[in-house]
Amino acid sequence: MQIEASNRTAAVAGAWASFGLVPFERWMTQHHIDSVLAHNLLWASAATVFFILPLYFLVLGHGSEPFRRAWFIDPADSARYAVTAKRMLAWFVSAGIVGSLWSSALSLLAK
């Protein structure tokens, strides 16, 4: 089954990033890790699972081609760019809304 990137999947990717990275950041601040390598590997693995892979598959799309340098001259490339920009905006807004609500909820639960 091929995943098709859309505004809905972009919003899900933003929510997924917030649901995963907000508690992970809280966990990292509570558990001090002495090794810089272990600290960086943990952040890299969390960023891969919650940020990079969903961004690639759910926002940009697996089969998307890179934009040419003169994408703004070609109407077809401009339309493709607009679709991608709208998906990225949906991803960003979803991550911001869910992240602020999720962070507030976790702060209330911690008290």
Protein backbone atom coordinates (compact mmCIF):
# COMPACT_ATOMS: atom_id res chain seq x y z
CA MET A 1 0.00 0.00 0.00
CA GLN A 2 1.45 3.33 -1.10
CA ILE A 3 0.94 6.25 1.26
CA GLU A 4 -0.40 9.31 -0.55
CA ALA A 5 0.61 12.64 1.02
CA SER A 6 -2.34 14.99 1.61
CA ASN A 7 -3.35 17.82 3.92
CA ARG A 8 -4.89 15.28 6.30
CA THR A 9 -1.74 13.14 6.47
CA ALA A 10 0.32 16.30 6.95
CA ALA A 11 -1.86 17.28 9.92
CA VAL A 12 -1.47 13.78 11.34
CA ALA A 13 2.31 14.05 10.93
CA GLY A 14 2.30 17.35 12.82
CA ALA A 15 0.23 15.87 15.64
CA TRP A 16 2.50 12.80 15.71
CA ALA A 17 5.58 15.01 16.04
CA SER A 18 4.04 16.90 18.95
CA PHE A 19 2.75 13.79 20.70
CA GLY A 20 6.19 12.22 20.49
CA LEU A 21 8.70 15.02 20.86
CA VAL A 22 7.07 16.96 23.72
CA PRO A 23 7.14 14.03 26.19
CA PHE A 24 10.53 12.96 24.88
CA GLU A 25 11.96 16.41 25.62
CA ARG A 26 10.48 16.31 29.13
CA TRP A 27 11.95 12.85 29.65
CA MET A 28 15.38 13.99 28.47
CA THR A 29 15.39 16.93 30.92
CA GLN A 30 14.39 14.67 33.84
CA HIS A 31 16.94 11.96 33.07
CA HIS A 32 20.36 13.55 32.81
CA ILE A 33 22.55 11.56 30.42
CA ASP A 34 26.27 12.03 30.95
CA SER A 35 27.39 10.70 27.59
CA VAL A 36 27.17 13.26 24.80
CA LEU A 37 27.10 10.48 22.23
CA ALA A 38 24.17 8.72 23.92
CA HIS A 39 22.33 12.04 24.29
CA ASN A 40 22.79 12.86 20.59
CA LEU A 41 21.85 9.33 19.48
CA LEU A 42 18.64 9.47 21.52
CA TRP A 43 17.71 12.83 20.00
CA ALA A 44 18.59 11.61 16.51
CA SER A 45 16.45 8.50 16.90
CA ALA A 46 13.49 10.49 18.28
CA ALA A 47 13.85 13.07 15.50
CA THR A 48 13.91 10.29 12.91
CA VAL A 49 10.81 8.54 14.24
CA PHE A 50 8.72 11.60 15.09
CA PHE A 51 9.96 14.26 12.64
CA ILE A 52 11.98 13.18 9.60
CA LEU A 53 10.16 10.01 8.48
CA PRO A 54 6.64 11.48 8.88
CA LEU A 55 7.79 14.64 7.10
CA TYR A 56 9.13 12.63 4.19
CA PHE A 57 6.26 10.16 3.81
CA LEU A 58 3.20 12.10 5.03
CA VAL A 59 3.98 15.71 4.09
CA LEU A 60 6.32 15.73 1.10
CA GLY A 61 5.27 12.40 -0.36
CA HIS A 62 7.38 9.38 -1.17
CA GLY A 63 7.36 9.82 -4.94
CA SER A 64 7.72 13.58 -5.07
CA GLU A 65 10.34 14.99 -7.37
CA PRO A 66 12.66 17.84 -6.40
CA PHE A 67 11.78 21.28 -7.68
CA ARG A 68 13.81 22.76 -10.48
CA ARG A 69 15.59 26.07 -10.08
CA ALA A 70 13.06 27.86 -12.26
CA TRP A 71 9.96 26.27 -10.69
CA PHE A 72 8.23 29.66 -10.53
CA ILE A 73 8.29 30.04 -14.34
CA ASP A 74 6.58 26.74 -15.16
CA PRO A 75 2.86 26.76 -14.21
CA ALA A 76 2.82 23.01 -13.51
CA ASP A 77 5.75 23.27 -11.12
CA SER A 78 4.22 26.33 -9.48
CA ALA A 79 1.00 24.41 -8.85
CA ARG A 80 2.94 21.46 -7.43
CA TYR A 81 4.87 23.85 -5.19
CA ALA A 82 1.63 25.42 -3.93
CA VAL A 83 0.24 21.99 -3.01
CA THR A 84 3.42 21.11 -1.12
CA ALA A 85 3.46 24.49 0.64
CA LYS A 86 -0.15 24.01 1.78
CA ARG A 87 0.70 20.57 3.16
CA MET A 88 3.68 22.01 5.03
CA LEU A 89 1.49 24.77 6.45
CA ALA A 90 -1.06 22.17 7.61
CA TRP A 91 1.78 20.18 9.20
CA PHE A 92 3.18 23.24 10.96
CA VAL A 93 -0.19 24.50 12.25
CA SER A 94 -1.18 21.04 13.45
CA ALA A 95 2.12 20.59 15.27
CA GLY A 96 1.77 24.01 16.90
CA ILE A 97 -1.80 23.51 18.09
CA VAL A 98 -1.36 19.93 19.29
CA GLY A 99 2.04 20.75 20.80
CA SER A 100 0.73 23.65 22.85
CA LEU A 101 -2.29 21.67 24.10
CA TRP A 102 -0.22 18.56 24.80
CA SER A 103 2.49 20.54 26.58
CA SER A 104 -0.12 22.29 28.74
CA ALA A 105 -1.78 18.97 29.58
CA LEU A 106 1.53 17.36 30.54
CA SER A 107 2.44 20.40 32.67
CA LEU A 108 -0.87 20.12 34.54
CA LEU A 109 -0.38 16.39 35.07
CA ALA A 110 3.14 16.93 36.40
CA LYS A 111 1.91 19.23 39.19
